[in-house]
Amino acid sequence: MVRRLPLAAALLSLAWGQAAYSQADPDNPTCPKAMNWSTYRQMRFTLDETGGHRILRVEGLIDEGAPDRLQAALAQYDPTKIDEIWVRSPGGDARAGNRMGKMIRDAAIPTRIPKGWACFSACNFVFMGGWARFVDEGGIFAVHMFTHIVDREALRSEVAGDKAAGTVAGIEQDSALLASEDNDFLIRMGVSRKLLTDVMYKQKAVADAGADRSTRRCLTQDELIKYTVATKRLD
């Protein structure tokens, strides 16, 4: 079913985005204090027609079943008749995000993060699947350390002996595999691998008690172009 976005809702979304974007997060100074990445606990796919354009809105937490629902949405609405995919999400299942990005690339649909919307964590890979990618001024592309991080000493204090060692080893092995998968993904999508080495790898997974408590990094328009995350500067 095609749903038209009411004007009042669009204006409310715009006002929310302007207010949230104007307040910096004291712990993550490159990012706004509040990020509009949706509160949907399961990712939703909605086709809107706005100004004669057919937009597939992809919103909410990336759950394990999200790729299958994306595939169903693409089959229902016909990729050749979708002008853009708009994304906002706090992330979620990393491998599901990668799968969705590859599906979007295979469908040859551009992606966009509109003004006032935020795309974080696994959502980054959904967005980077677009054959053309746009982040509006006021749109947020936020990254963090993507690997599994574990406090070894805390884990060993809670789980005895070999079980703890096996859990740590399993997490580290899966982290290495995920890092390889993400590296391959960036190459396929034409995104600079320096996004991983210069940005993602340098973020802390957990805030410490020091002066720098940042665990997120929101890229500027210059950085989006520098790392070929966006294919055109929009400001």
C-alpha atoms as a PDB file:
ATOM      1  CA  MET A   1       0.000   0.000   0.000  1.00  0.00           C
ATOM      2  CA  VAL A   2       1.301   3.447  -0.916  1.00  0.00           C
ATOM      3  CA  ARG A   3       1.048   5.979   1.883  1.00  0.00           C
ATOM      4  CA  ARG A   4       1.317   9.725   1.474  1.00  0.00           C
ATOM      5  CA  LEU A   5       3.236  11.564   4.197  1.00  0.00           C
ATOM      6  CA  PRO A   6       0.960  14.245   5.687  1.00  0.00           C
ATOM      7  CA  LEU A   7       2.323  17.783   5.497  1.00  0.00           C
ATOM      8  CA  ALA A   8       1.901  18.274   9.268  1.00  0.00           C
ATOM      9  CA  ALA A   9       3.969  15.153   9.961  1.00  0.00           C
ATOM     10  CA  ALA A  10       6.679  16.295   7.570  1.00  0.00           C
ATOM     11  CA  LEU A  11       6.871  19.720   9.220  1.00  0.00           C
ATOM     12  CA  LEU A  12       6.970  18.144  12.698  1.00  0.00           C
ATOM     13  CA  SER A  13       9.817  15.864  11.610  1.00  0.00           C
ATOM     14  CA  LEU A  14      11.710  18.853  10.209  1.00  0.00           C
ATOM     15  CA  ALA A  15      11.227  20.885  13.395  1.00  0.00           C
ATOM     16  CA  TRP A  16      12.364  17.941  15.530  1.00  0.00           C
ATOM     17  CA  GLY A  17      15.460  17.507  13.410  1.00  0.00           C
ATOM     18  CA  GLN A  18      16.416  21.190  13.628  1.00  0.00           C
ATOM     19  CA  ALA A  19      16.025  21.245  17.431  1.00  0.00           C
ATOM     20  CA  ALA A  20      17.945  18.006  17.980  1.00  0.00           C
ATOM     21  CA  TYR A  21      20.749  18.964  15.599  1.00  0.00           C
ATOM     22  CA  SER A  22      21.345  22.283  17.366  1.00  0.00           C
ATOM     23  CA  GLN A  23      22.280  20.670  20.712  1.00  0.00           C
ATOM     24  CA  ALA A  24      25.662  18.927  20.856  1.00  0.00           C
ATOM     25  CA  ASP A  25      26.171  15.788  22.937  1.00  0.00           C
ATOM     26  CA  PRO A  26      28.716  16.661  25.667  1.00  0.00           C
ATOM     27  CA  ASP A  27      30.083  13.091  25.644  1.00  0.00           C
ATOM     28  CA  ASN A  28      30.102  12.803  21.843  1.00  0.00           C
ATOM     29  CA  PRO A  29      30.784  16.368  20.669  1.00  0.00           C
ATOM     30  CA  THR A  30      30.720  15.549  16.947  1.00  0.00           C
ATOM     31  CA  CYS A  31      27.107  14.368  17.321  1.00  0.00           C
ATOM     32  CA  PRO A  32      23.840  16.022  18.369  1.00  0.00           C
ATOM     33  CA  LYS A  33      22.551  15.253  21.836  1.00  0.00           C
ATOM     34  CA  ALA A  34      19.400  13.555  20.495  1.00  0.00           C
ATOM     35  CA  MET A  35      19.416  11.518  17.318  1.00  0.00           C
ATOM     36  CA  ASN A  36      16.237  10.768  15.393  1.00  0.00           C
ATOM     37  CA  TRP A  37      16.966   7.172  14.426  1.00  0.00           C
ATOM     38  CA  SER A  38      13.407   5.937  15.107  1.00  0.00           C
ATOM     39  CA  THR A  39      11.949   4.103  18.081  1.00  0.00           C
ATOM     40  CA  TYR A  40      10.580   1.172  16.083  1.00  0.00           C
ATOM     41  CA  ARG A  41      11.731  -2.031  17.762  1.00  0.00           C
ATOM     42  CA  GLN A  42      11.485  -3.875  14.447  1.00  0.00           C
ATOM     43  CA  MET A  43      12.480  -2.392  11.112  1.00  0.00           C
ATOM     44  CA  ARG A  44       9.606  -1.140   8.973  1.00  0.00           C
ATOM     45  CA  PHE A  45       9.388  -0.609   5.220  1.00  0.00           C
ATOM     46  CA  THR A  46       6.868   1.942   3.942  1.00  0.00           C
ATOM     47  CA  LEU A  47       6.429   3.348   0.456  1.00  0.00           C
ATOM     48  CA  ASP A  48       5.598   7.060   0.376  1.00  0.00           C
ATOM     49  CA  GLU A  49       4.822   9.246  -2.589  1.00  0.00           C
ATOM     50  CA  THR A  50       5.956  12.807  -1.924  1.00  0.00           C
ATOM     51  CA  GLY A  51       6.090  15.411  -4.694  1.00  0.00           C
ATOM     52  CA  GLY A  52       5.705  12.747  -7.340  1.00  0.00           C
ATOM     53  CA  HIS A  53       8.642  10.695  -6.039  1.00  0.00           C
ATOM     54  CA  ARG A  54       8.381   7.131  -4.777  1.00  0.00           C
ATOM     55  CA  ILE A  55      10.389   6.825  -1.576  1.00  0.00           C
ATOM     56  CA  LEU A  56      10.888   3.594   0.363  1.00  0.00           C
ATOM     57  CA  ARG A  57      11.251   4.575   4.012  1.00  0.00           C
ATOM     58  CA  VAL A  58      13.425   2.095   5.933  1.00  0.00           C
ATOM     59  CA  GLU A  59      13.111   2.805   9.660  1.00  0.00           C
ATOM     60  CA  GLY A  60      13.819   1.157  12.992  1.00  0.00           C
ATOM     61  CA  LEU A  61      15.998  -1.448  14.662  1.00  0.00           C
ATOM     62  CA  ILE A  62      17.671  -3.880  12.267  1.00  0.00           C
ATOM     63  CA  ASP A  63      16.448  -7.263  13.414  1.00  0.00           C
ATOM     64  CA  GLU A  64      17.364 -10.675  12.030  1.00  0.00           C
ATOM     65  CA  GLY A  65      14.285 -10.790   9.805  1.00  0.00           C
ATOM     66  CA  ALA A  66      14.789  -7.315   8.292  1.00  0.00           C
ATOM     67  CA  PRO A  67      16.556  -8.559   5.102  1.00  0.00           C
ATOM     68  CA  ASP A  68      13.667 -10.881   4.274  1.00  0.00           C
ATOM     69  CA  ARG A  69      11.143  -8.066   4.780  1.00  0.00           C
ATOM     70  CA  LEU A  70      13.242  -5.739   2.624  1.00  0.00           C
ATOM     71  CA  GLN A  71      13.270  -8.370  -0.111  1.00  0.00           C
ATOM     72  CA  ALA A  72       9.478  -8.645   0.136  1.00  0.00           C
ATOM     73  CA  ALA A  73       9.096  -4.847  -0.021  1.00  0.00           C
ATOM     74  CA  LEU A  74      11.304  -4.621  -3.107  1.00  0.00           C
ATOM     75  CA  ALA A  75       9.313  -7.375  -4.790  1.00  0.00           C
ATOM     76  CA  GLN A  76       6.029  -5.641  -3.913  1.00  0.00           C
ATOM     77  CA  TYR A  77       6.958  -2.116  -5.000  1.00  0.00           C
ATOM     78  CA  ASP A  78       9.310  -2.896  -7.951  1.00  0.00           C
ATOM     79  CA  PRO A  79      12.879  -1.570  -7.543  1.00  0.00           C
ATOM     80  CA  THR A  80      12.773   0.097 -10.967  1.00  0.00           C
ATOM     81  CA  LYS A  81       9.958   2.332  -9.707  1.00  0.00           C
ATOM     82  CA  ILE A  82      11.572   3.321  -6.375  1.00  0.00           C
ATOM     83  CA  ASP A  83      13.369   6.665  -6.693  1.00  0.00           C
ATOM     84  CA  GLU A  84      15.245   6.536  -3.378  1.00  0.00           C
ATOM     85  CA  ILE A  85      15.527   4.653  -0.108  1.00  0.00           C
ATOM     86  CA  TRP A  86      15.517   6.847   2.994  1.00  0.00           C
ATOM     87  CA  VAL A  87      17.061   5.306   6.109  1.00  0.00           C
ATOM     88  CA  ARG A  88      16.997   6.016   9.834  1.00  0.00           C
ATOM     89  CA  SER A  89      17.993   3.405  12.377  1.00  0.00           C
ATOM     90  CA  PRO A  90      19.985   2.913  15.595  1.00  0.00           C
ATOM     91  CA  GLY A  91      21.550  -0.193  14.021  1.00  0.00           C
ATOM     92  CA  GLY A  92      21.114  -3.736  15.244  1.00  0.00           C
ATOM     93  CA  ASP A  93      22.120  -7.026  13.655  1.00  0.00           C
ATOM     94  CA  ALA A  94      25.423  -6.330  11.863  1.00  0.00           C
ATOM     95  CA  ARG A  95      25.212  -9.139   9.344  1.00  0.00           C
ATOM     96  CA  ALA A  96      21.593  -8.320   8.564  1.00  0.00           C
ATOM     97  CA  GLY A  97      22.723  -4.758   7.808  1.00  0.00           C
ATOM     98  CA  ASN A  98      25.380  -6.049   5.410  1.00  0.00           C
ATOM     99  CA  ARG A  99      22.853  -8.280   3.643  1.00  0.00           C
ATOM    100  CA  MET A 100      20.451  -5.397   3.225  1.00  0.00           C
ATOM    101  CA  GLY A 101      23.168  -3.169   1.806  1.00  0.00           C
ATOM    102  CA  LYS A 102      24.026  -5.797  -0.804  1.00  0.00           C
ATOM    103  CA  MET A 103      20.360  -6.202  -1.710  1.00  0.00           C
ATOM    104  CA  ILE A 104      19.994  -2.448  -2.213  1.00  0.00           C
ATOM    105  CA  ARG A 105      23.098  -2.390  -4.420  1.00  0.00           C
ATOM    106  CA  ASP A 106      21.796  -5.290  -6.503  1.00  0.00           C
ATOM    107  CA  ALA A 107      18.525  -3.373  -6.922  1.00  0.00           C
ATOM    108  CA  ALA A 108      20.477  -0.250  -8.019  1.00  0.00           C
ATOM    109  CA  ILE A 109      18.531   2.184  -5.821  1.00  0.00           C
ATOM    110  CA  PRO A 110      20.031   5.420  -4.416  1.00  0.00           C
ATOM    111  CA  THR A 111      19.995   5.930  -0.645  1.00  0.00           C
ATOM    112  CA  ARG A 112      19.549   9.077   1.409  1.00  0.00           C
ATOM    113  CA  ILE A 113      19.711  10.226   5.038  1.00  0.00           C
ATOM    114  CA  PRO A 114      17.317  13.190   5.089  1.00  0.00           C
ATOM    115  CA  LYS A 115      17.722  16.245   7.280  1.00  0.00           C
ATOM    116  CA  GLY A 116      16.861  15.402  10.880  1.00  0.00           C
ATOM    117  CA  TRP A 117      17.304  11.633  10.420  1.00  0.00           C
ATOM    118  CA  ALA A 118      20.153   9.557  11.872  1.00  0.00           C
ATOM    119  CA  CYS A 119      21.792   6.337  10.667  1.00  0.00           C
ATOM    120  CA  PHE A 120      24.033   4.592  13.213  1.00  0.00           C
ATOM    121  CA  SER A 121      26.026   1.377  13.482  1.00  0.00           C
ATOM    122  CA  ALA A 122      24.687  -1.446  11.268  1.00  0.00           C
ATOM    123  CA  CYS A 123      22.503   1.126   9.511  1.00  0.00           C
ATOM    124  CA  ASN A 124      25.721   2.499   7.984  1.00  0.00           C
ATOM    125  CA  PHE A 125      25.984  -0.610   5.843  1.00  0.00           C
ATOM    126  CA  VAL A 126      22.358  -0.438   4.742  1.00  0.00           C
ATOM    127  CA  PHE A 127      22.943   3.144   3.610  1.00  0.00           C
ATOM    128  CA  MET A 128      26.255   2.380   1.872  1.00  0.00           C
ATOM    129  CA  GLY A 129      24.475  -0.137  -0.350  1.00  0.00           C
ATOM    130  CA  GLY A 130      23.046   2.696  -2.454  1.00  0.00           C
ATOM    131  CA  TRP A 131      24.556   3.013  -5.938  1.00  0.00           C
ATOM    132  CA  ALA A 132      24.360   6.768  -5.272  1.00  0.00           C
ATOM    133  CA  ARG A 133      24.378   8.017  -1.672  1.00  0.00           C
ATOM    134  CA  PHE A 134      23.260  11.343  -0.233  1.00  0.00           C
ATOM    135  CA  VAL A 135      23.358  12.780   3.283  1.00  0.00           C
ATOM    136  CA  ASP A 136      21.389  16.001   3.544  1.00  0.00           C
ATOM    137  CA  GLU A 137      22.793  18.831   5.638  1.00  0.00           C
ATOM    138  CA  GLY A 138      21.436  17.992   9.088  1.00  0.00           C
ATOM    139  CA  GLY A 139      21.308  14.280   8.323  1.00  0.00           C
ATOM    140  CA  ILE A 140      23.473  12.158  10.626  1.00  0.00           C
ATOM    141  CA  PHE A 141      25.813   9.351   9.580  1.00  0.00           C
ATOM    142  CA  ALA A 142      27.204   8.151  12.930  1.00  0.00           C
ATOM    143  CA  VAL A 143      29.761   5.390  13.427  1.00  0.00           C
ATOM    144  CA  HIS A 144      31.283   3.503  16.331  1.00  0.00           C
ATOM    145  CA  MET A 145      33.669   0.616  16.935  1.00  0.00           C
ATOM    146  CA  PHE A 146      31.846  -2.179  15.111  1.00  0.00           C
ATOM    147  CA  THR A 147      33.621  -5.259  16.470  1.00  0.00           C
ATOM    148  CA  HIS A 148      32.458  -7.311  19.444  1.00  0.00           C
ATOM    149  CA  ILE A 149      34.207  -5.946  22.531  1.00  0.00           C
ATOM    150  CA  VAL A 150      34.437  -7.864  25.756  1.00  0.00           C
ATOM    151  CA  ASP A 151      35.875  -7.034  29.159  1.00  0.00           C
ATOM    152  CA  ARG A 152      37.893 -10.214  29.663  1.00  0.00           C
ATOM    153  CA  GLU A 153      38.454  -9.766  33.394  1.00  0.00           C
ATOM    154  CA  ALA A 154      34.778  -9.018  34.089  1.00  0.00           C
ATOM    155  CA  LEU A 155      33.732 -12.036  32.046  1.00  0.00           C
ATOM    156  CA  ARG A 156      36.162 -14.346  33.813  1.00  0.00           C
ATOM    157  CA  SER A 157      34.901 -13.150  37.196  1.00  0.00           C
ATOM    158  CA  GLU A 158      31.352 -14.168  36.199  1.00  0.00           C
ATOM    159  CA  VAL A 159      32.034 -17.329  34.210  1.00  0.00           C
ATOM    160  CA  ALA A 160      34.454 -19.885  35.549  1.00  0.00           C
ATOM    161  CA  GLY A 161      37.488 -21.414  33.844  1.00  0.00           C
ATOM    162  CA  ASP A 162      37.374 -22.949  30.404  1.00  0.00           C
ATOM    163  CA  LYS A 163      33.872 -21.696  29.689  1.00  0.00           C
ATOM    164  CA  ALA A 164      34.985 -18.077  30.007  1.00  0.00           C
ATOM    165  CA  ALA A 165      38.088 -18.701  27.883  1.00  0.00           C
ATOM    166  CA  GLY A 166      35.988 -20.372  25.213  1.00  0.00           C
ATOM    167  CA  THR A 167      33.465 -17.510  25.223  1.00  0.00           C
ATOM    168  CA  VAL A 168      36.200 -14.881  24.837  1.00  0.00           C
ATOM    169  CA  ALA A 169      37.872 -16.867  22.045  1.00  0.00           C
ATOM    170  CA  GLY A 170      34.562 -17.274  20.227  1.00  0.00           C
ATOM    171  CA  ILE A 171      33.783 -13.566  20.428  1.00  0.00           C
ATOM    172  CA  GLU A 172      37.256 -12.623  19.200  1.00  0.00           C
ATOM    173  CA  GLN A 173      37.064 -15.088  16.312  1.00  0.00           C
ATOM    174  CA  ASP A 174      33.675 -13.757  15.251  1.00  0.00           C
ATOM    175  CA  SER A 175      34.991 -10.188  15.539  1.00  0.00           C
ATOM    176  CA  ALA A 176      37.822 -10.984  13.148  1.00  0.00           C
ATOM    177  CA  LEU A 177      35.424 -12.597  10.698  1.00  0.00           C
ATOM    178  CA  LEU A 178      33.040  -9.634  10.886  1.00  0.00           C
ATOM    179  CA  ALA A 179      35.922  -7.212  10.305  1.00  0.00           C
ATOM    180  CA  SER A 180      36.870  -9.134   7.150  1.00  0.00           C
ATOM    181  CA  GLU A 181      33.252  -9.123   5.945  1.00  0.00           C
ATOM    182  CA  ASP A 182      32.921  -5.382   6.513  1.00  0.00           C
ATOM    183  CA  ASN A 183      36.204  -4.700   4.719  1.00  0.00           C
ATOM    184  CA  ASP A 184      35.002  -6.700   1.709  1.00  0.00           C
ATOM    185  CA  PHE A 185      31.670  -4.854   1.819  1.00  0.00           C
ATOM    186  CA  LEU A 186      33.342  -1.430   1.650  1.00  0.00           C
ATOM    187  CA  ILE A 187      35.451  -2.515  -1.325  1.00  0.00           C
ATOM    188  CA  ARG A 188      32.370  -3.759  -3.167  1.00  0.00           C
ATOM    189  CA  MET A 189      30.435  -0.551  -2.465  1.00  0.00           C
ATOM    190  CA  GLY A 190      33.264   1.757  -3.493  1.00  0.00           C
ATOM    191  CA  VAL A 191      33.696   3.197   0.009  1.00  0.00           C
ATOM    192  CA  SER A 192      37.193   4.009   1.247  1.00  0.00           C
ATOM    193  CA  ARG A 193      38.566   1.410   3.645  1.00  0.00           C
ATOM    194  CA  LYS A 194      40.024   4.321   5.587  1.00  0.00           C
ATOM    195  CA  LEU A 195      36.530   4.710   7.022  1.00  0.00           C
ATOM    196  CA  LEU A 196      37.369   1.595   9.043  1.00  0.00           C
ATOM    197  CA  THR A 197      40.988   2.348   9.870  1.00  0.00           C
ATOM    198  CA  ASP A 198      40.811   6.117  10.376  1.00  0.00           C
ATOM    199  CA  VAL A 199      37.372   6.431  11.947  1.00  0.00           C
ATOM    200  CA  MET A 200      35.594   3.271  13.117  1.00  0.00           C
ATOM    201  CA  TYR A 201      38.639   1.501  14.566  1.00  0.00           C
ATOM    202  CA  LYS A 202      39.567   4.620  16.536  1.00  0.00           C
ATOM    203  CA  GLN A 203      36.281   4.886  18.422  1.00  0.00           C
ATOM    204  CA  LYS A 204      36.045   3.458  21.926  1.00  0.00           C
ATOM    205  CA  ALA A 205      33.486   0.712  22.444  1.00  0.00           C
ATOM    206  CA  VAL A 206      32.769   1.714  26.049  1.00  0.00           C
ATOM    207  CA  ALA A 207      33.067   5.160  27.628  1.00  0.00           C
ATOM    208  CA  ASP A 208      35.708   5.405  30.331  1.00  0.00           C
ATOM    209  CA  ALA A 209      36.023   7.718  33.307  1.00  0.00           C
ATOM    210  CA  GLY A 210      38.486  10.033  31.593  1.00  0.00           C
ATOM    211  CA  ALA A 211      37.978  13.388  29.922  1.00  0.00           C
ATOM    212  CA  ASP A 212      37.206  11.787  26.552  1.00  0.00           C
ATOM    213  CA  ARG A 213      34.002   9.759  26.932  1.00  0.00           C
ATOM    214  CA  SER A 214      33.159   9.674  23.253  1.00  0.00           C
ATOM    215  CA  THR A 215      31.995   6.370  21.754  1.00  0.00           C
ATOM    216  CA  ARG A 216      30.401   7.805  18.600  1.00  0.00           C
ATOM    217  CA  ARG A 217      31.584   9.841  15.674  1.00  0.00           C
ATOM    218  CA  CYS A 218      29.268  11.792  13.387  1.00  0.00           C
ATOM    219  CA  LEU A 219      30.894  12.523  10.055  1.00  0.00           C
ATOM    220  CA  THR A 220      30.936  16.012   8.572  1.00  0.00           C
ATOM    221  CA  GLN A 221      30.003  16.690   4.952  1.00  0.00           C
ATOM    222  CA  ASP A 222      33.725  16.937   4.146  1.00  0.00           C
ATOM    223  CA  GLU A 223      34.397  13.546   5.759  1.00  0.00           C
ATOM    224  CA  LEU A 224      31.455  11.929   3.983  1.00  0.00           C
ATOM    225  CA  ILE A 225      33.038  12.893   0.674  1.00  0.00           C
ATOM    226  CA  LYS A 226      36.605  12.149   1.805  1.00  0.00           C
ATOM    227  CA  TYR A 227      35.744   8.557   2.696  1.00  0.00           C
ATOM    228  CA  THR A 228      33.360   8.223  -0.304  1.00  0.00           C
ATOM    229  CA  VAL A 229      30.468   7.441   2.034  1.00  0.00           C
ATOM    230  CA  ALA A 230      28.380  10.001   0.124  1.00  0.00           C
ATOM    231  CA  THR A 231      28.706  10.376  -3.618  1.00  0.00           C
ATOM    232  CA  LYS A 232      27.804  14.080  -3.648  1.00  0.00           C
ATOM    233  CA  ARG A 233      28.205  16.875  -1.139  1.00  0.00           C
ATOM    234  CA  LEU A 234      24.845  18.342  -0.037  1.00  0.00           C
ATOM    235  CA  ASP A 235      25.177  21.609   1.854  1.00  0.00           C
END
